[in-house]
N, C-alpha and C. Protein backbone atom coordinates (compact mmCIF):
# COMPACT_ATOMS: atom_id res chain seq x y z
N MET A 1 1.00 -1.06 0.05
CA MET A 1 -0.25 0.01 -0.01
C MET A 1 0.76 1.37 0.16
N THR A 2 0.68 2.10 -0.68
CA THR A 2 1.56 3.33 -0.95
C THR A 2 1.16 4.41 0.19
N SER A 3 2.01 5.22 0.33
CA SER A 3 1.74 6.31 1.46
C SER A 3 0.36 7.08 1.12
N GLN A 4 0.10 7.35 -0.34
CA GLN A 4 -0.99 8.14 -0.49
C GLN A 4 -2.39 7.40 -0.25
N GLU A 5 -2.19 6.19 -0.36
CA GLU A 5 -3.40 5.05 -0.34
C GLU A 5 -3.72 4.91 1.24
N MET A 6 -2.60 5.14 2.13
CA MET A 6 -2.68 5.23 3.60
C MET A 6 -3.57 6.19 4.00
N GLN A 7 -3.46 7.41 3.54
CA GLN A 7 -3.89 8.40 3.86
C GLN A 7 -5.49 8.81 3.64
N GLN A 8 -6.10 9.01 4.73
CA GLN A 8 -7.56 9.09 4.51
C GLN A 8 -8.00 10.48 4.01
N ALA A 9 -9.16 10.52 3.17
CA ALA A 9 -9.76 11.49 2.48
C ALA A 9 -9.87 12.74 3.34
N PRO A 10 -9.65 13.91 2.64
CA PRO A 10 -10.12 14.86 3.55
C PRO A 10 -11.55 14.87 3.72
N VAL A 11 -11.99 15.64 4.97
CA VAL A 11 -13.35 15.61 5.54
C VAL A 11 -14.14 16.68 5.01
N SER A 12 -15.39 16.54 5.18
CA SER A 12 -16.19 17.60 4.40
C SER A 12 -17.58 17.68 5.43
N GLY A 13 -18.23 18.65 5.58
CA GLY A 13 -19.30 19.05 6.14
C GLY A 13 -19.50 18.15 7.54
N SER A 14 -20.70 17.29 7.41
CA SER A 14 -21.16 16.43 8.54
C SER A 14 -20.35 15.70 9.15
N ASP A 15 -19.28 15.20 8.33
CA ASP A 15 -18.20 14.37 8.84
C ASP A 15 -17.19 14.96 10.03
N LEU A 16 -17.14 16.24 9.94
CA LEU A 16 -16.37 17.23 10.87
C LEU A 16 -16.66 16.68 12.03
N ALA A 17 -17.61 16.74 12.60
CA ALA A 17 -17.75 16.31 14.17
C ALA A 17 -17.45 15.10 14.46
N THR A 18 -17.62 14.01 13.63
CA THR A 18 -16.93 12.64 13.86
C THR A 18 -15.43 12.74 13.79
N VAL A 19 -14.98 13.61 12.96
CA VAL A 19 -13.47 13.43 13.02
C VAL A 19 -12.81 14.09 14.47
N LEU A 20 -13.61 15.12 14.84
CA LEU A 20 -13.21 15.76 16.38
C LEU A 20 -13.36 14.94 17.27
N GLU A 21 -14.39 14.24 17.25
CA GLU A 21 -14.82 13.21 18.30
C GLU A 21 -13.80 12.20 18.29
N THR A 22 -13.48 11.76 17.42
CA THR A 22 -12.40 10.54 17.13
C THR A 22 -11.02 10.83 17.01
N ARG A 23 -10.69 12.17 16.99
CA ARG A 23 -9.22 12.47 16.49
C ARG A 23 -8.44 11.90 17.61
N ARG A 24 -7.28 11.40 17.31
CA ARG A 24 -6.16 11.10 18.22
C ARG A 24 -4.78 11.20 17.75
N SER A 25 -3.84 11.50 18.49
CA SER A 25 -2.46 11.42 18.03
C SER A 25 -1.83 10.44 17.47
N THR A 26 -1.27 10.64 16.27
CA THR A 26 -0.60 9.44 15.76
C THR A 26 0.84 9.41 16.36
N MET A 27 1.45 8.11 16.25
CA MET A 27 2.49 7.56 17.02
C MET A 27 3.81 8.42 16.13
N PRO A 28 4.65 9.19 16.49
CA PRO A 28 5.71 9.76 15.55
C PRO A 28 6.18 9.14 14.55
N ASP A 29 6.60 7.86 14.93
CA ASP A 29 7.31 7.07 13.61
C ASP A 29 6.29 6.50 12.75
N MET A 30 4.88 6.66 12.91
CA MET A 30 3.86 6.38 11.95
C MET A 30 3.63 7.44 11.14
N LEU A 31 4.39 8.55 11.31
CA LEU A 31 4.14 9.88 10.49
C LEU A 31 5.09 9.73 9.41
N VAL A 32 4.65 9.57 8.15
CA VAL A 32 5.43 9.50 7.05
C VAL A 32 5.13 10.47 5.88
N ALA A 33 5.95 10.35 4.87
CA ALA A 33 5.61 11.01 3.81
C ALA A 33 4.69 10.73 2.76
N PRO A 34 3.97 11.20 2.08
CA PRO A 34 3.86 12.63 1.88
C PRO A 34 3.26 13.52 2.82
N GLY A 35 3.91 14.65 2.93
CA GLY A 35 3.24 15.65 3.97
C GLY A 35 2.16 16.40 3.08
N PRO A 36 1.65 17.53 3.65
CA PRO A 36 0.67 18.42 3.21
C PRO A 36 1.24 18.87 1.77
N SER A 37 0.74 19.21 0.72
CA SER A 37 1.08 19.84 -0.42
C SER A 37 1.03 21.29 -0.16
N GLU A 38 1.45 22.08 -0.89
CA GLU A 38 1.54 23.63 -0.50
C GLU A 38 0.06 24.23 -0.51
N ALA A 39 -0.72 23.59 -1.22
CA ALA A 39 -2.16 24.13 -1.04
C ALA A 39 -2.90 23.71 0.11
N GLU A 40 -2.53 22.54 0.63
CA GLU A 40 -2.94 21.96 1.74
C GLU A 40 -2.43 22.64 3.12
N LEU A 41 -0.97 22.87 2.97
CA LEU A 41 -0.51 23.55 3.78
C LEU A 41 -0.98 24.92 4.17
N ASP A 42 -1.34 25.53 3.09
CA ASP A 42 -1.95 26.84 3.12
C ASP A 42 -3.22 26.93 3.94
N ARG A 43 -3.88 25.85 3.62
CA ARG A 43 -5.38 25.61 4.43
C ARG A 43 -5.12 25.47 5.90
N LEU A 44 -4.06 24.42 6.07
CA LEU A 44 -3.81 24.21 7.58
C LEU A 44 -3.50 25.27 8.23
N LEU A 45 -2.46 26.02 7.72
CA LEU A 45 -2.20 27.37 8.32
C LEU A 45 -3.39 28.34 8.61
N THR A 46 -4.32 28.34 7.81
CA THR A 46 -5.31 29.33 7.77
C THR A 46 -6.31 28.71 9.11
N ILE A 47 -6.41 27.44 9.11
CA ILE A 47 -7.19 26.97 10.11
C ILE A 47 -6.53 27.41 11.40
N ALA A 48 -5.32 26.93 11.47
CA ALA A 48 -4.50 27.02 12.79
C ALA A 48 -4.47 28.41 13.29
N LEU A 49 -4.64 29.54 12.23
CA LEU A 49 -4.70 31.04 12.87
C LEU A 49 -5.85 31.42 13.29
N ARG A 50 -6.96 30.55 12.89
CA ARG A 50 -8.40 30.96 13.56
C ARG A 50 -8.75 30.67 14.93
N VAL A 51 -7.96 31.45 15.75
CA VAL A 51 -8.14 31.17 17.21
C VAL A 51 -8.42 32.39 17.96
N PRO A 52 -8.91 32.22 19.22
CA PRO A 52 -9.14 33.44 20.10
C PRO A 52 -7.88 34.20 20.30
N ASP A 53 -8.06 35.51 19.81
CA ASP A 53 -6.78 36.39 20.01
C ASP A 53 -7.11 37.83 20.60
N HIS A 54 -7.44 37.72 22.14
CA HIS A 54 -7.72 39.07 22.60
C HIS A 54 -6.85 40.22 22.36
N GLY A 55 -7.42 41.34 21.74
CA GLY A 55 -6.82 42.43 21.44
C GLY A 55 -6.04 42.30 20.13
N ARG A 56 -6.20 41.28 19.42
CA ARG A 56 -5.71 41.07 18.21
C ARG A 56 -4.24 41.25 18.00
N LEU A 57 -3.40 40.88 19.08
CA LEU A 57 -2.11 40.89 19.39
C LEU A 57 -1.50 39.92 18.26
N ALA A 58 -1.85 38.72 17.88
CA ALA A 58 -1.06 37.56 17.35
C ALA A 58 0.08 37.41 18.02
N PRO A 59 -0.04 36.75 19.30
CA PRO A 59 0.97 36.55 20.31
C PRO A 59 1.69 35.20 20.17
N TRP A 60 1.87 34.88 18.86
CA TRP A 60 2.50 33.66 18.47
C TRP A 60 2.95 33.69 17.17
N ARG A 61 3.81 32.73 16.80
CA ARG A 61 4.35 32.46 15.45
C ARG A 61 4.64 31.00 15.15
N ILE A 62 4.64 30.67 13.85
CA ILE A 62 4.84 29.18 13.52
C ILE A 62 6.09 29.20 12.59
N ILE A 63 7.06 28.31 13.19
CA ILE A 63 8.25 28.05 12.39
C ILE A 63 8.11 26.62 11.72
N LEU A 64 8.02 26.58 10.53
CA LEU A 64 7.98 25.22 9.72
C LEU A 64 9.39 24.60 9.62
N ILE A 65 9.43 23.35 9.86
CA ILE A 65 10.88 22.79 9.69
C ILE A 65 10.66 21.43 8.81
N GLU A 66 11.42 21.51 7.75
CA GLU A 66 11.30 20.28 6.59
C GLU A 66 12.40 20.28 5.87
N GLY A 67 12.54 19.01 5.22
CA GLY A 67 13.47 18.94 4.39
C GLY A 67 14.87 18.70 4.91
N GLU A 68 15.92 19.39 4.09
CA GLU A 68 17.44 19.47 4.56
C GLU A 68 17.38 20.11 5.84
N SER A 69 16.65 21.29 5.93
CA SER A 69 16.81 21.93 7.18
C SER A 69 16.21 21.10 8.42
N LYS A 70 15.40 20.36 8.13
CA LYS A 70 14.88 19.52 9.28
C LYS A 70 15.93 18.50 9.72
N ALA A 71 16.53 17.97 8.74
CA ALA A 71 17.79 16.96 8.89
C ALA A 71 19.02 17.58 9.88
N ARG A 72 19.33 18.78 9.27
CA ARG A 72 20.16 19.52 10.04
C ARG A 72 19.90 19.87 11.47
N TRP A 73 18.59 20.48 11.67
CA TRP A 73 18.24 20.80 12.80
C TRP A 73 18.36 19.44 13.80
N ILE A 74 17.59 18.37 13.39
CA ILE A 74 17.85 16.98 14.36
C ILE A 74 19.28 16.71 14.55
N GLU A 75 20.18 16.78 13.56
CA GLU A 75 21.53 16.45 13.90
C GLU A 75 21.98 17.37 14.83
N GLN A 76 21.88 18.82 14.76
CA GLN A 76 22.20 19.57 15.80
C GLN A 76 21.63 19.26 17.19
N LEU A 77 20.38 19.03 17.34
CA LEU A 77 19.66 18.21 18.59
C LEU A 77 20.37 17.22 19.13
N LEU A 78 20.77 16.24 18.39
CA LEU A 78 21.48 15.11 18.60
C LEU A 78 22.68 15.31 19.35
N THR A 79 23.46 16.27 18.64
CA THR A 79 24.77 16.58 19.36
C THR A 79 24.39 17.36 20.69
N LEU A 80 23.52 18.14 20.83
CA LEU A 80 23.22 18.67 22.09
C LEU A 80 22.59 17.84 23.22
N ALA A 81 22.16 16.72 22.78
CA ALA A 81 21.49 15.71 23.48
C ALA A 81 22.60 14.86 24.28
N GLU A 82 23.58 14.68 23.38
CA GLU A 82 24.78 13.99 24.05
C GLU A 82 25.42 14.62 25.28
N THR A 83 25.15 15.77 25.32
CA THR A 83 25.86 16.68 26.50
C THR A 83 24.82 17.00 27.62
N ARG A 84 23.74 16.32 27.47
CA ARG A 84 22.72 16.34 28.65
C ARG A 84 22.88 14.99 29.54
N GLU A 85 22.58 15.25 30.85
CA GLU A 85 22.51 14.27 32.10
C GLU A 85 21.79 13.31 31.62
N ASP A 86 20.59 13.52 30.82
CA ASP A 86 19.53 12.38 30.44
C ASP A 86 19.66 12.19 28.85
N ALA A 87 21.19 11.99 28.66
CA ALA A 87 21.47 11.64 27.07
C ALA A 87 20.75 10.68 26.33
N ALA A 88 20.61 9.66 26.92
CA ALA A 88 19.98 8.52 26.42
C ALA A 88 18.47 8.95 26.12
N LYS A 89 17.72 9.13 27.19
CA LYS A 89 16.33 9.76 27.02
C LYS A 89 16.32 10.90 26.13
N SER A 90 16.90 11.79 25.97
CA SER A 90 17.10 12.92 24.99
C SER A 90 17.20 12.33 23.48
N ARG A 91 18.25 11.54 23.44
CA ARG A 91 18.40 10.95 22.10
C ARG A 91 17.31 10.30 21.73
N ILE A 92 16.48 9.45 22.32
CA ILE A 92 15.41 8.81 21.85
C ILE A 92 14.31 10.05 21.51
N SER A 93 14.27 10.93 22.32
CA SER A 93 12.94 11.95 22.04
C SER A 93 13.28 12.73 20.73
N THR A 94 14.57 12.98 20.46
CA THR A 94 14.86 13.62 19.38
C THR A 94 14.69 12.83 18.05
N ARG A 95 15.04 11.74 18.24
CA ARG A 95 14.85 10.62 16.92
C ARG A 95 13.33 10.47 16.65
N LYS A 96 12.49 10.83 17.61
CA LYS A 96 11.09 10.80 17.29
C LYS A 96 10.71 11.81 16.16
N LEU A 97 11.69 12.75 16.05
CA LEU A 97 11.35 13.88 15.23
C LEU A 97 11.57 13.68 13.79
N ALA A 98 12.18 12.58 13.46
CA ALA A 98 12.94 12.21 12.55
C ALA A 98 11.90 11.65 11.08
N SER A 99 10.64 11.31 11.52
CA SER A 99 10.07 10.36 10.36
C SER A 99 8.80 11.37 9.86
N ALA A 100 8.36 12.40 10.37
CA ALA A 100 7.50 13.07 9.90
C ALA A 100 7.78 14.05 8.97
N PRO A 101 7.29 14.31 7.90
CA PRO A 101 7.84 15.00 6.69
C PRO A 101 7.84 16.49 7.12
N LEU A 102 6.95 17.01 7.99
CA LEU A 102 6.74 18.32 8.47
C LEU A 102 6.59 18.62 9.86
N ILE A 103 7.23 19.71 10.25
CA ILE A 103 7.31 19.84 11.67
C ILE A 103 6.86 21.37 11.80
N ALA A 104 5.90 21.54 12.60
CA ALA A 104 5.52 23.14 12.79
C ALA A 104 5.71 23.37 14.29
N ALA A 105 6.69 24.23 14.71
CA ALA A 105 7.00 24.73 15.92
C ALA A 105 6.02 25.92 16.22
N VAL A 106 5.24 25.92 17.21
CA VAL A 106 4.44 27.11 17.68
C VAL A 106 5.24 27.81 18.67
N ILE A 107 5.56 29.19 18.34
CA ILE A 107 6.05 29.79 19.18
C ILE A 107 5.41 31.02 20.08
N SER A 108 5.29 30.87 21.32
CA SER A 108 4.55 31.82 22.14
C SER A 108 5.40 33.34 22.26
N SER A 109 4.62 34.44 21.91
CA SER A 109 5.17 35.41 21.72
C SER A 109 4.54 36.69 22.39
N PRO A 110 4.28 36.43 23.75
CA PRO A 110 3.43 37.42 24.42
C PRO A 110 3.95 38.85 24.26
N THR A 111 2.98 39.83 24.47
CA THR A 111 3.33 41.00 24.42
C THR A 111 3.16 41.49 26.01
N PRO A 112 4.31 41.78 26.45
CA PRO A 112 4.29 42.09 28.01
C PRO A 112 3.68 43.37 28.26
N GLY A 113 2.99 43.50 29.58
CA GLY A 113 2.55 44.78 30.10
C GLY A 113 1.42 45.29 29.29
N HIS A 114 0.72 44.45 28.66
CA HIS A 114 -0.55 44.90 27.49
C HIS A 114 -1.61 44.42 28.52
N LYS A 115 -2.92 45.21 28.48
CA LYS A 115 -3.98 45.01 29.03
C LYS A 115 -4.56 43.58 29.06
N VAL A 116 -4.25 42.72 27.96
CA VAL A 116 -4.70 41.47 27.67
C VAL A 116 -3.42 40.60 28.51
N PRO A 117 -3.96 40.04 29.48
CA PRO A 117 -2.92 39.16 30.37
C PRO A 117 -2.05 38.46 29.61
N GLU A 118 -0.83 38.28 30.06
CA GLU A 118 0.13 37.26 29.12
C GLU A 118 -0.44 35.91 29.31
N TRP A 119 -1.01 35.40 30.33
CA TRP A 119 -1.49 34.05 30.46
C TRP A 119 -2.69 33.89 29.28
N GLU A 120 -3.37 34.66 28.77
CA GLU A 120 -4.51 34.60 27.97
C GLU A 120 -3.53 34.47 26.45
N GLN A 121 -2.59 35.50 26.38
CA GLN A 121 -1.82 35.35 25.19
C GLN A 121 -1.04 33.97 25.22
N GLU A 122 -0.72 33.38 26.09
CA GLU A 122 -0.03 32.07 26.12
C GLU A 122 -1.06 30.94 25.79
N LEU A 123 -2.30 31.16 26.14
CA LEU A 123 -3.52 30.09 25.83
C LEU A 123 -3.70 30.33 24.67
N SER A 124 -3.59 31.22 23.81
CA SER A 124 -3.95 31.53 22.56
C SER A 124 -2.99 30.80 21.69
N ALA A 125 -1.56 30.75 22.15
CA ALA A 125 -0.55 29.89 21.44
C ALA A 125 -1.10 28.58 21.58
N GLY A 126 -1.62 27.93 22.78
CA GLY A 126 -1.88 26.46 22.94
C GLY A 126 -3.20 26.27 22.07
N ALA A 127 -4.08 27.04 22.00
CA ALA A 127 -5.19 26.75 21.02
C ALA A 127 -4.71 26.75 19.44
N LEU A 128 -3.83 27.81 19.12
CA LEU A 128 -3.08 27.51 17.77
C LEU A 128 -2.66 26.08 17.53
N THR A 129 -2.01 25.63 18.68
CA THR A 129 -1.36 24.19 18.56
C THR A 129 -2.31 23.36 18.24
N MET A 130 -3.46 23.37 18.94
CA MET A 130 -4.51 22.39 19.01
C MET A 130 -5.41 22.56 17.61
N ASN A 131 -5.36 23.60 17.06
CA ASN A 131 -5.84 23.88 15.68
C ASN A 131 -5.16 23.13 14.76
N LEU A 132 -3.64 23.10 14.77
CA LEU A 132 -2.94 22.46 13.82
C LEU A 132 -3.25 20.90 13.95
N LEU A 133 -3.33 20.53 14.99
CA LEU A 133 -3.82 18.93 15.27
C LEU A 133 -5.16 18.65 14.56
N ASN A 134 -6.15 19.55 14.81
CA ASN A 134 -7.30 19.45 14.27
C ASN A 134 -7.36 19.68 12.80
N GLY A 135 -6.69 20.53 12.37
CA GLY A 135 -6.77 20.90 11.01
C GLY A 135 -6.14 19.67 10.19
N ALA A 136 -4.83 19.23 10.79
CA ALA A 136 -4.33 17.99 9.92
C ALA A 136 -5.23 16.95 9.96
N ALA A 137 -6.20 16.58 10.87
CA ALA A 137 -7.12 15.66 10.94
C ALA A 137 -8.20 15.87 9.82
N VAL A 138 -8.68 17.01 9.92
CA VAL A 138 -9.79 17.32 8.84
C VAL A 138 -9.15 16.97 7.45
N LEU A 139 -7.93 17.50 7.17
CA LEU A 139 -7.19 17.40 5.91
C LEU A 139 -6.84 16.00 5.52
N GLY A 140 -7.09 15.25 6.50
CA GLY A 140 -6.61 13.59 6.19
C GLY A 140 -5.24 13.08 6.54
N TYR A 141 -4.62 13.93 7.31
CA TYR A 141 -3.19 13.81 7.92
C TYR A 141 -3.20 13.41 9.42
N GLY A 142 -2.10 12.98 9.86
CA GLY A 142 -2.00 12.45 11.25
C GLY A 142 -1.06 13.70 11.85
N ALA A 143 -1.25 13.92 13.09
CA ALA A 143 -0.19 14.87 13.78
C ALA A 143 0.08 14.43 15.24
N ASN A 144 1.12 14.82 15.83
CA ASN A 144 1.40 14.54 17.04
C ASN A 144 2.04 15.86 17.82
N TRP A 145 1.67 16.12 18.95
CA TRP A 145 1.86 17.38 19.64
C TRP A 145 3.11 16.76 20.45
N LEU A 146 4.53 16.87 20.04
CA LEU A 146 5.63 16.37 20.70
C LEU A 146 6.53 17.38 21.47
N THR A 147 6.40 17.99 22.53
CA THR A 147 7.17 18.99 22.89
C THR A 147 8.09 18.37 24.17
N GLY A 148 9.45 17.85 23.60
CA GLY A 148 10.31 17.31 24.56
C GLY A 148 11.29 18.39 25.08
N TRP A 149 12.64 17.93 25.33
CA TRP A 149 13.49 18.42 26.11
C TRP A 149 13.99 19.69 25.22
N HIS A 150 13.78 19.53 23.82
CA HIS A 150 14.11 20.69 22.84
C HIS A 150 13.45 21.73 22.90
N ALA A 151 12.45 21.83 23.56
CA ALA A 151 11.49 23.01 23.80
C ALA A 151 11.76 23.84 24.84
N TYR A 152 12.63 23.32 25.74
CA TYR A 152 12.93 23.98 26.90
C TYR A 152 14.50 24.29 27.32
N ASP A 153 15.19 23.30 26.68
CA ASP A 153 16.87 23.33 26.83
C ASP A 153 17.34 24.80 26.05
N PRO A 154 17.69 25.84 26.68
CA PRO A 154 18.19 27.17 25.79
C PRO A 154 19.08 27.12 24.74
N ARG A 155 19.81 26.05 24.91
CA ARG A 155 20.72 25.82 23.66
C ARG A 155 20.18 25.34 22.52
N ALA A 156 18.92 24.41 22.86
CA ALA A 156 17.99 23.85 21.71
C ALA A 156 17.15 25.00 20.98
N THR A 157 16.65 25.73 22.08
CA THR A 157 15.73 26.77 21.45
C THR A 157 16.43 27.94 20.74
N GLU A 158 17.62 28.13 21.04
CA GLU A 158 18.52 29.02 20.26
C GLU A 158 18.57 28.71 18.96
N LEU A 159 18.39 27.29 18.40
CA LEU A 159 18.49 26.94 17.03
C LEU A 159 17.36 27.59 16.28
N LEU A 160 16.32 27.90 17.20
CA LEU A 160 14.99 28.40 16.51
C LEU A 160 14.94 29.92 16.37
N ASN A 161 16.18 30.54 16.85
CA ASN A 161 16.28 32.01 16.91
C ASN A 161 15.09 32.76 17.45
N LEU A 162 14.95 32.20 18.96
CA LEU A 162 13.73 32.89 19.70
C LEU A 162 14.25 34.22 20.08
N ALA A 163 13.22 35.30 19.98
CA ALA A 163 13.42 36.36 20.67
C ALA A 163 13.33 36.19 22.05
N PRO A 164 13.79 37.28 22.80
CA PRO A 164 13.71 37.46 24.39
C PRO A 164 12.15 37.35 24.74
N GLY A 165 11.97 36.58 25.71
CA GLY A 165 10.48 36.38 26.19
C GLY A 165 9.72 35.31 25.45
N GLU A 166 10.37 34.95 24.12
CA GLU A 166 9.53 33.76 23.55
C GLU A 166 10.01 32.39 24.09
N LYS A 167 8.75 31.67 23.98
CA LYS A 167 8.85 30.25 24.50
C LYS A 167 8.17 29.22 23.17
N VAL A 168 8.77 28.01 23.29
CA VAL A 168 8.03 26.93 22.45
C VAL A 168 6.82 26.36 23.07
N ALA A 169 5.68 26.94 22.51
CA ALA A 169 4.45 26.33 22.95
C ALA A 169 4.17 24.80 22.59
N GLY A 170 4.50 24.53 21.27
CA GLY A 170 4.41 23.22 20.84
C GLY A 170 5.36 22.83 19.51
N VAL A 171 5.48 21.58 19.66
CA VAL A 171 6.27 21.22 18.34
C VAL A 171 5.25 19.88 17.75
N VAL A 172 4.72 20.27 16.53
CA VAL A 172 3.66 19.53 16.11
C VAL A 172 4.21 18.70 14.70
N LEU A 173 4.21 17.57 14.90
CA LEU A 173 4.56 16.66 13.63
C LEU A 173 3.58 16.26 12.94
N ILE A 174 3.65 16.44 11.55
CA ILE A 174 2.46 16.27 10.60
C ILE A 174 3.08 15.44 9.39
N GLY A 175 2.25 14.36 8.92
CA GLY A 175 2.59 13.65 7.81
C GLY A 175 1.18 12.62 7.68
N THR A 176 1.48 11.62 6.59
CA THR A 176 0.62 10.63 6.21
C THR A 176 0.71 9.63 7.46
N ILE A 177 -0.63 9.05 7.62
CA ILE A 177 -0.51 8.16 8.84
C ILE A 177 0.04 6.70 8.16
N ALA A 178 1.03 6.28 8.61
CA ALA A 178 1.41 4.91 7.99
C ALA A 178 0.47 3.59 8.85
N GLU A 179 0.35 3.96 10.01
CA GLU A 179 -0.78 2.97 10.77
C GLU A 179 -1.42 3.79 11.85
N ARG A 180 -2.53 3.32 12.06
CA ARG A 180 -3.35 4.20 13.07
C ARG A 180 -3.30 3.68 14.49
N ALA A 181 -3.19 4.72 15.36
CA ALA A 181 -2.77 4.29 16.82
C ALA A 181 -4.13 3.56 17.37
N THR A 182 -4.22 2.65 18.28
CA THR A 182 -5.37 2.10 18.91
C THR A 182 -5.92 3.26 19.72
N GLU A 183 -7.21 2.99 19.99
CA GLU A 183 -7.75 3.84 20.78
C GLU A 183 -7.36 3.59 22.37
N ARG A 184 -7.31 4.71 22.99
CA ARG A 184 -7.02 4.57 24.46
C ARG A 184 -8.02 5.07 25.39
N ASP A 185 -7.96 4.90 26.84
CA ASP A 185 -8.79 5.23 27.77
C ASP A 185 -8.81 6.64 27.72
N ARG A 186 -10.01 7.38 27.82
CA ARG A 186 -9.97 8.55 27.98
C ARG A 186 -11.10 9.03 29.15
N THR A 187 -10.69 10.21 29.67
CA THR A 187 -11.55 10.60 30.71
C THR A 187 -12.97 10.68 30.49
N THR A 188 -13.92 10.94 31.31
CA THR A 188 -15.38 10.83 31.04
C THR A 188 -15.83 12.30 31.44
N GLN A 189 -16.98 12.63 30.97
CA GLN A 189 -17.62 13.97 31.58
C GLN A 189 -17.90 13.70 32.70
N ASP A 190 -18.39 12.86 33.34
CA ASP A 190 -18.87 12.76 34.85
C ASP A 190 -17.75 12.96 35.84
N ARG A 191 -16.35 12.87 35.27
CA ARG A 191 -15.30 12.93 36.09
C ARG A 191 -14.90 14.43 36.06
N VAL A 192 -15.13 15.19 35.07
CA VAL A 192 -14.46 16.46 34.52
C VAL A 192 -15.47 17.88 34.47
N VAL A 193 -16.80 17.36 34.24
CA VAL A 193 -17.74 18.44 33.94
C VAL A 193 -18.63 18.49 35.22
N SER A 194 -18.94 19.72 35.68
CA SER A 194 -19.91 19.99 36.55
C SER A 194 -20.71 21.42 36.27
N ARG A 195 -21.85 21.60 37.02
CA ARG A 195 -22.67 22.73 36.75
C ARG A 195 -22.49 23.58 38.01
N LEU A 196 -22.27 25.07 37.81
CA LEU A 196 -22.30 25.87 38.80
C LEU A 196 -23.82 26.00 39.57
N GLU A 197 -23.94 25.89 40.76
CA GLU A 197 -25.07 25.98 41.36
C GLU A 197 -25.18 26.83 42.55
N ILE A 198 -25.61 28.17 42.26
CA ILE A 198 -25.63 29.16 43.35
C ILE A 198 -26.97 29.36 44.11
C-alpha cells in the first residue's frame, strides 16, 4: 500500500464532528511522507490561525521545519542531547522527530505589559497548536504534539532563533498516517464536568 493510499480522504461537512470526536494523536514513527502539499499547507495554516486572540495581538508565530533544514536541525539536537545528563532519553526523544515530513514549531510571543494578560496570550498559542492537530485531521493527515526537552533547553531553543521572552508552545509533527494508533482510555464527562449552582 502506498503512502497516498494510507492517507485518509479530507473531511467535509457533517463528517467534521466525527473527526473531532475521534481524533487522536498518531505515533511519531507512524507519520510518514508525503506531507501536506503547498495548497493543503496553506489551508492548514489558515485553520491554525483561526483562534481566540484578545486584542488582536497575534501573540504567536509558527516555524515550519522540513527537508534538509529538518535533517540539519535534528543533527544539531542530537549533538546537544549527548551533552545532557539524560542523554539516552534525550536521544530517543529527538529521534522521534525524524519520520514526519513536516514539523511546525509554535512559538508563544506574548506582549508584556499589555491589558490582555500574558496568560491569555499564552493560552492563545496553545489554541493555535490544537488547531494544527485538528486541521491536520480534517485534511486527512496525522499529527502529534511532541514537546520534548528541545522545547525547554536554552541551547536547543537558540537553534530556532527565539526572541527574548519567546517560548516554544508546541512542536507538532505532521504527515501521512502509516498505521493508526489504537484507541486509549479517556476521561469521562462525569469526572470533569460540573454545573455551577448558586
